[in-house]
Amino acid sequence: MAGKEDWAGALGAEWARKAEATDRLLRPFGEAAMEALGPVAGLRVLDLGCGGGETTLALAEAGAEATGVDVSPDLVALAERRRADATGRAATARFLVADAAEAVFKAPMQALFSRFGAMFFPDPPAAYAHIRAGMAPGAPLAIACWRTPRENEWASLPLMAAKPHLPPAPPADRRAPGPFAWSEPEESFAPLLRGAGWRDVAWAPVDLTIRLGEGRGDDPVEAATAYAMEFGPLASRLRSEPEETARRVEAAVREAMAARLKDGAVVTATA
């Protein structure tokens, strides 16, 4: 799985290039997490793993003193460009290239937010102990994280299509940093956050559909296929495979995506 060095380097740069498409896919989940967080006006809010800054700008627009933190210089540079183009309160957002497991702020943060940026620390207990120490007493948090791959067709559909063309995957380490590291609440984030000092840790499913390939050119199937080949679990599997295998996988994924085409997008269920 991708680690800090990947996100700080080539992977972060690639995500910055694809930020518009990624933001479109993830936006509904971020909105659900913000609703769960509640009013933020006047609060110092840390946006953990802020990526290209869309969520940080939204928090600032809602009245927060919002600070977005990410290890990727490319993603933070994009966030700064977006802030420069913003109007109203969104323009007050701040961004920092840093590892949140080490960053120190001038004043305690009064709320913590993350849209799929919280599951990548190599030492989660140490990271969240540090983050919690930098929060004000009673500071709430709201974090969007993925459930299991089986419950997220944007991940499982390409993998199932590619399965006949790939060698068997090694057993997954559910504790390893990565997008699905928090997919089992009572084994992952619940004890982690409680151990760091948060109380009343609770969670709720958010069942939505993701429309892959929508608004990305004339062929949503091609766009959805390219996205699956470049990002997510399938892309990780393909990094060590020869080009011939990748071509066979791409053809199989394209066929699976075409079967889900509806109203100008490849429609998948996700959670």
C-alpha atoms as a PDB file:
ATOM      1  CA  MET A   1       0.000   0.000   0.000  1.00  0.00           C
ATOM      2  CA  ALA A   2       1.039   3.601  -0.525  1.00  0.00           C
ATOM      3  CA  GLY A   3       2.999   5.188   2.314  1.00  0.00           C
ATOM      4  CA  LYS A   4       4.073   8.664   3.332  1.00  0.00           C
ATOM      5  CA  GLU A   5       6.904   8.761   0.782  1.00  0.00           C
ATOM      6  CA  ASP A   6       4.518   7.857  -2.052  1.00  0.00           C
ATOM      7  CA  TRP A   7       2.032  10.550  -1.100  1.00  0.00           C
ATOM      8  CA  ALA A   8       4.804  13.117  -0.675  1.00  0.00           C
ATOM      9  CA  GLY A   9       6.138  12.197  -4.114  1.00  0.00           C
ATOM     10  CA  ALA A  10       4.750  10.733  -7.322  1.00  0.00           C
ATOM     11  CA  LEU A  11       1.395   9.569  -5.984  1.00  0.00           C
ATOM     12  CA  GLY A  12       0.549  12.981  -4.550  1.00  0.00           C
ATOM     13  CA  ALA A  13       1.560  14.604  -7.836  1.00  0.00           C
ATOM     14  CA  GLU A  14      -0.711  12.240  -9.788  1.00  0.00           C
ATOM     15  CA  TRP A  15      -3.632  12.910  -7.445  1.00  0.00           C
ATOM     16  CA  ALA A  16      -3.096  16.634  -7.926  1.00  0.00           C
ATOM     17  CA  ARG A  17      -3.416  16.160 -11.699  1.00  0.00           C
ATOM     18  CA  LYS A  18      -6.656  14.183 -11.222  1.00  0.00           C
ATOM     19  CA  ALA A  19      -8.066  16.329  -8.415  1.00  0.00           C
ATOM     20  CA  GLU A  20     -11.165  17.539 -10.235  1.00  0.00           C
ATOM     21  CA  ALA A  21     -12.347  13.996 -10.964  1.00  0.00           C
ATOM     22  CA  THR A  22     -11.471  12.752  -7.478  1.00  0.00           C
ATOM     23  CA  ASP A  23     -13.214  15.646  -5.760  1.00  0.00           C
ATOM     24  CA  ARG A  24     -16.339  14.974  -7.793  1.00  0.00           C
ATOM     25  CA  LEU A  25     -16.380  11.357  -6.628  1.00  0.00           C
ATOM     26  CA  LEU A  26     -15.642  12.048  -2.964  1.00  0.00           C
ATOM     27  CA  ARG A  27     -17.666  15.240  -2.468  1.00  0.00           C
ATOM     28  CA  PRO A  28     -20.897  13.622  -1.172  1.00  0.00           C
ATOM     29  CA  PHE A  29     -18.979  11.747   1.523  1.00  0.00           C
ATOM     30  CA  GLY A  30     -17.206  14.894   2.654  1.00  0.00           C
ATOM     31  CA  GLU A  31     -20.510  16.715   2.829  1.00  0.00           C
ATOM     32  CA  ALA A  32     -21.943  13.933   5.018  1.00  0.00           C
ATOM     33  CA  ALA A  33     -18.953  14.156   7.361  1.00  0.00           C
ATOM     34  CA  MET A  34     -19.288  17.937   7.619  1.00  0.00           C
ATOM     35  CA  GLU A  35     -22.932  17.569   8.504  1.00  0.00           C
ATOM     36  CA  ALA A  36     -21.956  15.100  11.226  1.00  0.00           C
ATOM     37  CA  LEU A  37     -19.330  17.499  12.561  1.00  0.00           C
ATOM     38  CA  GLY A  38     -21.930  20.218  13.031  1.00  0.00           C
ATOM     39  CA  PRO A  39     -21.497  24.020  13.115  1.00  0.00           C
ATOM     40  CA  VAL A  40     -17.873  25.119  12.784  1.00  0.00           C
ATOM     41  CA  ALA A  41     -18.225  28.912  12.686  1.00  0.00           C
ATOM     42  CA  GLY A  42     -15.525  30.482  14.816  1.00  0.00           C
ATOM     43  CA  LEU A  43     -13.730  27.177  15.480  1.00  0.00           C
ATOM     44  CA  ARG A  44     -10.132  26.350  14.627  1.00  0.00           C
ATOM     45  CA  VAL A  45     -10.580  23.235  12.471  1.00  0.00           C
ATOM     46  CA  LEU A  46      -7.821  20.919  11.286  1.00  0.00           C
ATOM     47  CA  ASP A  47      -8.478  19.251   7.925  1.00  0.00           C
ATOM     48  CA  LEU A  48      -6.359  16.102   8.068  1.00  0.00           C
ATOM     49  CA  GLY A  49      -5.018  14.892   4.716  1.00  0.00           C
ATOM     50  CA  CYS A  50      -6.632  17.846   2.973  1.00  0.00           C
ATOM     51  CA  GLY A  51      -5.481  16.880  -0.520  1.00  0.00           C
ATOM     52  CA  GLY A  52      -6.301  19.579  -3.044  1.00  0.00           C
ATOM     53  CA  GLY A  53      -8.052  21.664  -0.396  1.00  0.00           C
ATOM     54  CA  GLU A  54     -11.688  21.440  -1.469  1.00  0.00           C
ATOM     55  CA  THR A  55     -12.858  20.452   2.006  1.00  0.00           C
ATOM     56  CA  THR A  56     -10.668  23.022   3.763  1.00  0.00           C
ATOM     57  CA  LEU A  57     -12.146  25.767   1.610  1.00  0.00           C
ATOM     58  CA  ALA A  58     -15.650  24.508   2.405  1.00  0.00           C
ATOM     59  CA  LEU A  59     -14.905  24.548   6.140  1.00  0.00           C
ATOM     60  CA  ALA A  60     -13.586  28.101   5.871  1.00  0.00           C
ATOM     61  CA  GLU A  61     -16.629  29.157   3.875  1.00  0.00           C
ATOM     62  CA  ALA A  62     -18.766  27.779   6.737  1.00  0.00           C
ATOM     63  CA  GLY A  63     -16.982  30.162   9.114  1.00  0.00           C
ATOM     64  CA  ALA A  64     -14.169  28.013  10.483  1.00  0.00           C
ATOM     65  CA  GLU A  65     -10.567  29.062  10.926  1.00  0.00           C
ATOM     66  CA  ALA A  66      -9.619  26.139   8.709  1.00  0.00           C
ATOM     67  CA  THR A  67      -6.124  24.722   8.322  1.00  0.00           C
ATOM     68  CA  GLY A  68      -5.496  21.976   5.781  1.00  0.00           C
ATOM     69  CA  VAL A  69      -2.503  19.683   6.270  1.00  0.00           C
ATOM     70  CA  ASP A  70      -1.095  17.212   3.750  1.00  0.00           C
ATOM     71  CA  VAL A  71       2.300  15.593   3.122  1.00  0.00           C
ATOM     72  CA  SER A  72       2.056  16.193  -0.638  1.00  0.00           C
ATOM     73  CA  PRO A  73       3.646  19.447  -1.844  1.00  0.00           C
ATOM     74  CA  ASP A  74       1.822  19.078  -5.162  1.00  0.00           C
ATOM     75  CA  LEU A  75      -1.602  18.740  -3.537  1.00  0.00           C
ATOM     76  CA  VAL A  76      -0.976  21.646  -1.176  1.00  0.00           C
ATOM     77  CA  ALA A  77       0.237  23.775  -4.095  1.00  0.00           C
ATOM     78  CA  LEU A  78      -3.069  23.030  -5.826  1.00  0.00           C
ATOM     79  CA  ALA A  79      -4.942  23.926  -2.633  1.00  0.00           C
ATOM     80  CA  GLU A  80      -3.101  27.254  -2.466  1.00  0.00           C
ATOM     81  CA  ARG A  81      -4.018  28.021  -6.074  1.00  0.00           C
ATOM     82  CA  ARG A  82      -7.641  27.272  -5.326  1.00  0.00           C
ATOM     83  CA  ARG A  83      -7.517  29.495  -2.247  1.00  0.00           C
ATOM     84  CA  ALA A  84      -6.053  32.324  -4.310  1.00  0.00           C
ATOM     85  CA  ASP A  85      -9.015  32.032  -6.685  1.00  0.00           C
ATOM     86  CA  ALA A  86     -11.582  31.785  -3.896  1.00  0.00           C
ATOM     87  CA  THR A  87     -13.860  34.546  -2.699  1.00  0.00           C
ATOM     88  CA  GLY A  88     -15.529  35.217   0.621  1.00  0.00           C
ATOM     89  CA  ARG A  89     -14.533  33.321   3.737  1.00  0.00           C
ATOM     90  CA  ALA A  90     -13.073  30.443   1.724  1.00  0.00           C
ATOM     91  CA  ALA A  91     -10.101  32.687   0.946  1.00  0.00           C
ATOM     92  CA  THR A  92      -9.138  32.658   4.656  1.00  0.00           C
ATOM     93  CA  ALA A  93      -8.210  28.947   4.595  1.00  0.00           C
ATOM     94  CA  ARG A  94      -4.622  28.059   5.427  1.00  0.00           C
ATOM     95  CA  PHE A  95      -2.566  25.182   4.080  1.00  0.00           C
ATOM     96  CA  LEU A  96       0.552  23.454   5.335  1.00  0.00           C
ATOM     97  CA  VAL A  97       2.829  20.802   3.856  1.00  0.00           C
ATOM     98  CA  ALA A  98       3.402  18.633   6.912  1.00  0.00           C
ATOM     99  CA  ASP A  99       2.919  15.264   8.534  1.00  0.00           C
ATOM    100  CA  ALA A 100       0.062  15.715  10.997  1.00  0.00           C
ATOM    101  CA  ALA A 101       1.722  13.112  13.231  1.00  0.00           C
ATOM    102  CA  GLU A 102       4.451  15.684  13.878  1.00  0.00           C
ATOM    103  CA  ALA A 103       2.952  19.110  13.134  1.00  0.00           C
ATOM    104  CA  VAL A 104       2.608  21.627  15.976  1.00  0.00           C
ATOM    105  CA  PHE A 105       0.191  24.555  15.779  1.00  0.00           C
ATOM    106  CA  LYS A 106       0.278  27.896  17.579  1.00  0.00           C
ATOM    107  CA  ALA A 107      -3.105  27.318  19.229  1.00  0.00           C
ATOM    108  CA  PRO A 108      -5.052  24.124  20.018  1.00  0.00           C
ATOM    109  CA  MET A 109      -7.369  22.974  17.281  1.00  0.00           C
ATOM    110  CA  GLN A 110     -11.045  22.942  18.262  1.00  0.00           C
ATOM    111  CA  ALA A 111     -12.296  20.329  15.792  1.00  0.00           C
ATOM    112  CA  LEU A 112     -10.835  17.660  13.511  1.00  0.00           C
ATOM    113  CA  PHE A 113     -12.123  16.787  10.050  1.00  0.00           C
ATOM    114  CA  SER A 114     -10.937  14.390   7.371  1.00  0.00           C
ATOM    115  CA  ARG A 115     -12.290  13.153   4.065  1.00  0.00           C
ATOM    116  CA  PHE A 116     -10.493   9.855   3.473  1.00  0.00           C
ATOM    117  CA  GLY A 117      -7.164  11.223   4.697  1.00  0.00           C
ATOM    118  CA  ALA A 118      -6.937   9.645   8.151  1.00  0.00           C
ATOM    119  CA  MET A 119      -5.960   6.025   7.451  1.00  0.00           C
ATOM    120  CA  PHE A 120      -2.379   6.284   6.194  1.00  0.00           C
ATOM    121  CA  PHE A 121      -0.176   6.738   9.270  1.00  0.00           C
ATOM    122  CA  PRO A 122       2.507   4.032   9.681  1.00  0.00           C
ATOM    123  CA  ASP A 123       2.167   4.289  13.491  1.00  0.00           C
ATOM    124  CA  PRO A 124      -1.498   5.191  14.110  1.00  0.00           C
ATOM    125  CA  PRO A 125      -1.415   5.165  17.942  1.00  0.00           C
ATOM    126  CA  ALA A 126       1.519   7.572  18.054  1.00  0.00           C
ATOM    127  CA  ALA A 127       0.003   9.751  15.331  1.00  0.00           C
ATOM    128  CA  TYR A 128      -3.382  10.117  17.000  1.00  0.00           C
ATOM    129  CA  ALA A 129      -1.894  10.618  20.445  1.00  0.00           C
ATOM    130  CA  HIS A 130       0.057  13.539  18.972  1.00  0.00           C
ATOM    131  CA  ILE A 131      -2.946  14.924  17.109  1.00  0.00           C
ATOM    132  CA  ARG A 132      -5.178  14.641  20.169  1.00  0.00           C
ATOM    133  CA  ALA A 133      -2.573  16.439  22.290  1.00  0.00           C
ATOM    134  CA  GLY A 134      -2.860  19.378  19.907  1.00  0.00           C
ATOM    135  CA  MET A 135      -6.649  19.589  20.238  1.00  0.00           C
ATOM    136  CA  ALA A 136      -8.660  21.631  22.718  1.00  0.00           C
ATOM    137  CA  PRO A 137     -10.507  19.684  25.458  1.00  0.00           C
ATOM    138  CA  GLY A 138     -13.752  18.254  24.133  1.00  0.00           C
ATOM    139  CA  ALA A 139     -12.856  18.941  20.495  1.00  0.00           C
ATOM    140  CA  PRO A 140     -15.136  16.901  18.189  1.00  0.00           C
ATOM    141  CA  LEU A 141     -14.065  15.055  15.096  1.00  0.00           C
ATOM    142  CA  ALA A 142     -15.749  13.773  11.949  1.00  0.00           C
ATOM    143  CA  ILE A 143     -13.898  11.478   9.587  1.00  0.00           C
ATOM    144  CA  ALA A 144     -15.097   9.875   6.363  1.00  0.00           C
ATOM    145  CA  CYS A 145     -13.470   6.481   5.789  1.00  0.00           C
ATOM    146  CA  TRP A 146     -14.196   3.535   3.521  1.00  0.00           C
ATOM    147  CA  ARG A 147     -15.864   0.349   4.637  1.00  0.00           C
ATOM    148  CA  THR A 148     -14.609  -2.951   3.196  1.00  0.00           C
ATOM    149  CA  PRO A 149     -13.701  -3.312  -0.495  1.00  0.00           C
ATOM    150  CA  ARG A 150     -16.620  -5.728  -0.836  1.00  0.00           C
ATOM    151  CA  GLU A 151     -18.963  -2.861   0.099  1.00  0.00           C
ATOM    152  CA  ASN A 152     -17.331  -0.448  -2.353  1.00  0.00           C
ATOM    153  CA  GLU A 153     -17.850  -1.366  -5.977  1.00  0.00           C
ATOM    154  CA  TRP A 154     -15.529   1.376  -7.236  1.00  0.00           C
ATOM    155  CA  ALA A 155     -12.779  -0.850  -5.767  1.00  0.00           C
ATOM    156  CA  SER A 156     -14.226  -4.377  -6.025  1.00  0.00           C
ATOM    157  CA  LEU A 157     -15.629  -4.170  -9.562  1.00  0.00           C
ATOM    158  CA  PRO A 158     -12.252  -3.578 -11.276  1.00  0.00           C
ATOM    159  CA  LEU A 159     -10.557  -6.136  -9.024  1.00  0.00           C
ATOM    160  CA  MET A 160     -13.103  -8.827  -9.842  1.00  0.00           C
ATOM    161  CA  ALA A 161     -12.794  -8.107 -13.563  1.00  0.00           C
ATOM    162  CA  ALA A 162      -9.008  -8.322 -13.340  1.00  0.00           C
ATOM    163  CA  LYS A 163      -8.873 -11.426 -11.141  1.00  0.00           C
ATOM    164  CA  PRO A 164      -8.620 -14.025 -13.969  1.00  0.00           C
ATOM    165  CA  HIS A 165      -5.593 -12.199 -15.376  1.00  0.00           C
ATOM    166  CA  LEU A 166      -3.590 -11.679 -12.175  1.00  0.00           C
ATOM    167  CA  PRO A 167      -1.722 -14.041  -9.863  1.00  0.00           C
ATOM    168  CA  PRO A 168      -3.400 -14.687  -6.503  1.00  0.00           C
ATOM    169  CA  ALA A 169      -3.076 -11.760  -4.167  1.00  0.00           C
ATOM    170  CA  PRO A 170      -1.279 -12.281  -0.853  1.00  0.00           C
ATOM    171  CA  PRO A 171      -3.520 -12.156   2.222  1.00  0.00           C
ATOM    172  CA  ALA A 172      -4.420  -8.575   2.989  1.00  0.00           C
ATOM    173  CA  ASP A 173      -3.024  -7.034   6.166  1.00  0.00           C
ATOM    174  CA  ARG A 174      -6.067  -5.229   7.508  1.00  0.00           C
ATOM    175  CA  ARG A 175      -3.888  -3.235   9.886  1.00  0.00           C
ATOM    176  CA  ALA A 176      -1.622  -1.852   7.155  1.00  0.00           C
ATOM    177  CA  PRO A 177      -1.980   1.834   6.254  1.00  0.00           C
ATOM    178  CA  GLY A 178      -4.249   2.317   3.267  1.00  0.00           C
ATOM    179  CA  PRO A 179      -7.737   3.294   2.135  1.00  0.00           C
ATOM    180  CA  PHE A 180      -9.422   0.327   3.849  1.00  0.00           C
ATOM    181  CA  ALA A 181      -7.414   0.331   7.078  1.00  0.00           C
ATOM    182  CA  TRP A 182     -10.455   1.634   8.982  1.00  0.00           C
ATOM    183  CA  SER A 183     -13.006  -0.688   7.393  1.00  0.00           C
ATOM    184  CA  GLU A 184     -13.607  -2.683  10.602  1.00  0.00           C
ATOM    185  CA  PRO A 185     -14.552  -0.070  13.234  1.00  0.00           C
ATOM    186  CA  GLU A 186     -14.135  -2.130  16.403  1.00  0.00           C
ATOM    187  CA  GLU A 187     -10.760  -3.424  15.220  1.00  0.00           C
ATOM    188  CA  SER A 188      -9.372  -0.173  13.861  1.00  0.00           C
ATOM    189  CA  PHE A 189     -10.457   3.371  14.536  1.00  0.00           C
ATOM    190  CA  ALA A 190     -12.691   2.882  17.592  1.00  0.00           C
ATOM    191  CA  PRO A 191      -9.962   1.600  19.945  1.00  0.00           C
ATOM    192  CA  LEU A 192      -7.413   3.864  18.270  1.00  0.00           C
ATOM    193  CA  LEU A 193      -9.384   7.061  18.865  1.00  0.00           C
ATOM    194  CA  ARG A 194     -10.485   6.030  22.342  1.00  0.00           C
ATOM    195  CA  GLY A 195      -6.902   5.263  23.230  1.00  0.00           C
ATOM    196  CA  ALA A 196      -5.863   8.722  22.037  1.00  0.00           C
ATOM    197  CA  GLY A 197      -8.425  10.333  24.337  1.00  0.00           C
ATOM    198  CA  TRP A 198     -11.605  10.837  22.347  1.00  0.00           C
ATOM    199  CA  ARG A 199     -14.833   9.773  24.003  1.00  0.00           C
ATOM    200  CA  ASP A 200     -18.238   8.725  22.663  1.00  0.00           C
ATOM    201  CA  VAL A 201     -16.705   7.383  19.448  1.00  0.00           C
ATOM    202  CA  ALA A 202     -19.549   6.429  17.116  1.00  0.00           C
ATOM    203  CA  TRP A 203     -20.040   5.759  13.432  1.00  0.00           C
ATOM    204  CA  ALA A 204     -22.787   5.411  10.853  1.00  0.00           C
ATOM    205  CA  PRO A 205     -22.896   4.052   7.297  1.00  0.00           C
ATOM    206  CA  VAL A 206     -23.267   6.414   4.367  1.00  0.00           C
ATOM    207  CA  ASP A 207     -24.630   4.452   1.408  1.00  0.00           C
ATOM    208  CA  LEU A 208     -24.319   6.336  -1.871  1.00  0.00           C
ATOM    209  CA  THR A 209     -23.584   5.689  -5.509  1.00  0.00           C
ATOM    210  CA  ILE A 210     -20.458   6.837  -7.284  1.00  0.00           C
ATOM    211  CA  ARG A 211     -20.819   7.864 -10.911  1.00  0.00           C
ATOM    212  CA  LEU A 212     -17.479   7.026 -12.474  1.00  0.00           C
ATOM    213  CA  GLY A 213     -16.399   8.786 -15.638  1.00  0.00           C
ATOM    214  CA  GLU A 214     -19.116  11.429 -15.500  1.00  0.00           C
ATOM    215  CA  GLY A 215     -18.099  14.757 -17.014  1.00  0.00           C
ATOM    216  CA  ARG A 216     -14.721  13.431 -18.172  1.00  0.00           C
ATOM    217  CA  GLY A 217     -14.915  13.657 -21.937  1.00  0.00           C
ATOM    218  CA  ASP A 218     -17.132  11.924 -24.450  1.00  0.00           C
ATOM    219  CA  ASP A 219     -16.645   8.340 -23.236  1.00  0.00           C
ATOM    220  CA  PRO A 220     -17.417   7.725 -19.548  1.00  0.00           C
ATOM    221  CA  VAL A 221     -16.466   4.042 -19.863  1.00  0.00           C
ATOM    222  CA  GLU A 222     -12.970   4.932 -21.054  1.00  0.00           C
ATOM    223  CA  ALA A 223     -12.662   7.565 -18.324  1.00  0.00           C
ATOM    224  CA  ALA A 224     -13.844   5.140 -15.627  1.00  0.00           C
ATOM    225  CA  THR A 225     -11.478   2.452 -16.903  1.00  0.00           C
ATOM    226  CA  ALA A 226      -8.510   4.813 -16.909  1.00  0.00           C
ATOM    227  CA  TYR A 227      -9.331   5.947 -13.376  1.00  0.00           C
ATOM    228  CA  ALA A 228      -9.472   2.357 -12.092  1.00  0.00           C
ATOM    229  CA  MET A 229      -6.163   1.547 -13.776  1.00  0.00           C
ATOM    230  CA  GLU A 230      -4.456   4.581 -12.230  1.00  0.00           C
ATOM    231  CA  PHE A 231      -5.944   4.758  -8.720  1.00  0.00           C
ATOM    232  CA  GLY A 232      -7.095   2.449  -5.992  1.00  0.00           C
ATOM    233  CA  PRO A 233      -6.455  -1.221  -5.177  1.00  0.00           C
ATOM    234  CA  LEU A 234      -6.224  -2.399  -8.767  1.00  0.00           C
ATOM    235  CA  ALA A 235      -3.591   0.187  -9.619  1.00  0.00           C
ATOM    236  CA  SER A 236      -1.554  -1.018  -6.641  1.00  0.00           C
ATOM    237  CA  ARG A 237      -1.766  -4.617  -7.872  1.00  0.00           C
ATOM    238  CA  LEU A 238      -0.674  -3.663 -11.380  1.00  0.00           C
ATOM    239  CA  ARG A 239       2.523  -1.848 -10.402  1.00  0.00           C
ATOM    240  CA  SER A 240       4.514  -5.079 -10.396  1.00  0.00           C
ATOM    241  CA  GLU A 241       2.842  -6.673 -13.433  1.00  0.00           C
ATOM    242  CA  PRO A 242       4.172  -6.640 -17.019  1.00  0.00           C
ATOM    243  CA  GLU A 243       2.612  -4.429 -19.665  1.00  0.00           C
ATOM    244  CA  GLU A 244       1.000  -7.382 -21.451  1.00  0.00           C
ATOM    245  CA  THR A 245      -0.899  -8.302 -18.266  1.00  0.00           C
ATOM    246  CA  ALA A 246      -1.966  -4.709 -17.775  1.00  0.00           C
ATOM    247  CA  ARG A 247      -3.432  -4.640 -21.299  1.00  0.00           C
ATOM    248  CA  ARG A 248      -5.488  -7.761 -20.641  1.00  0.00           C
ATOM    249  CA  VAL A 249      -6.676  -6.352 -17.329  1.00  0.00           C
ATOM    250  CA  GLU A 250      -7.610  -3.053 -18.955  1.00  0.00           C
ATOM    251  CA  ALA A 251      -9.777  -4.831 -21.536  1.00  0.00           C
ATOM    252  CA  ALA A 252     -11.552  -6.816 -18.820  1.00  0.00           C
ATOM    253  CA  VAL A 253     -12.123  -3.725 -16.690  1.00  0.00           C
ATOM    254  CA  ARG A 254     -13.465  -1.828 -19.672  1.00  0.00           C
ATOM    255  CA  GLU A 255     -16.011  -4.594 -20.293  1.00  0.00           C
ATOM    256  CA  ALA A 256     -17.104  -4.545 -16.638  1.00  0.00           C
ATOM    257  CA  MET A 257     -17.452  -0.773 -16.672  1.00  0.00           C
ATOM    258  CA  ALA A 258     -19.497  -0.829 -19.876  1.00  0.00           C
ATOM    259  CA  ALA A 259     -21.977  -3.183 -18.202  1.00  0.00           C
ATOM    260  CA  ARG A 260     -22.617  -0.515 -15.538  1.00  0.00           C
ATOM    261  CA  LEU A 261     -23.071   2.410 -17.932  1.00  0.00           C
ATOM    262  CA  LYS A 262     -26.242   4.363 -17.187  1.00  0.00           C
ATOM    263  CA  ASP A 263     -27.235   7.923 -18.083  1.00  0.00           C
ATOM    264  CA  GLY A 264     -23.735   9.027 -19.012  1.00  0.00           C
ATOM    265  CA  ALA A 265     -21.806   7.456 -16.153  1.00  0.00           C
ATOM    266  CA  VAL A 266     -20.595   4.122 -14.819  1.00  0.00           C
ATOM    267  CA  VAL A 267     -22.737   3.667 -11.729  1.00  0.00           C
ATOM    268  CA  THR A 268     -21.369   1.780  -8.715  1.00  0.00           C
ATOM    269  CA  ALA A 269     -22.655   1.348  -5.184  1.00  0.00           C
ATOM    270  CA  THR A 270     -20.303   2.438  -2.434  1.00  0.00           C
ATOM    271  CA  ALA A 271     -20.155   2.932   1.305  1.00  0.00           C
END
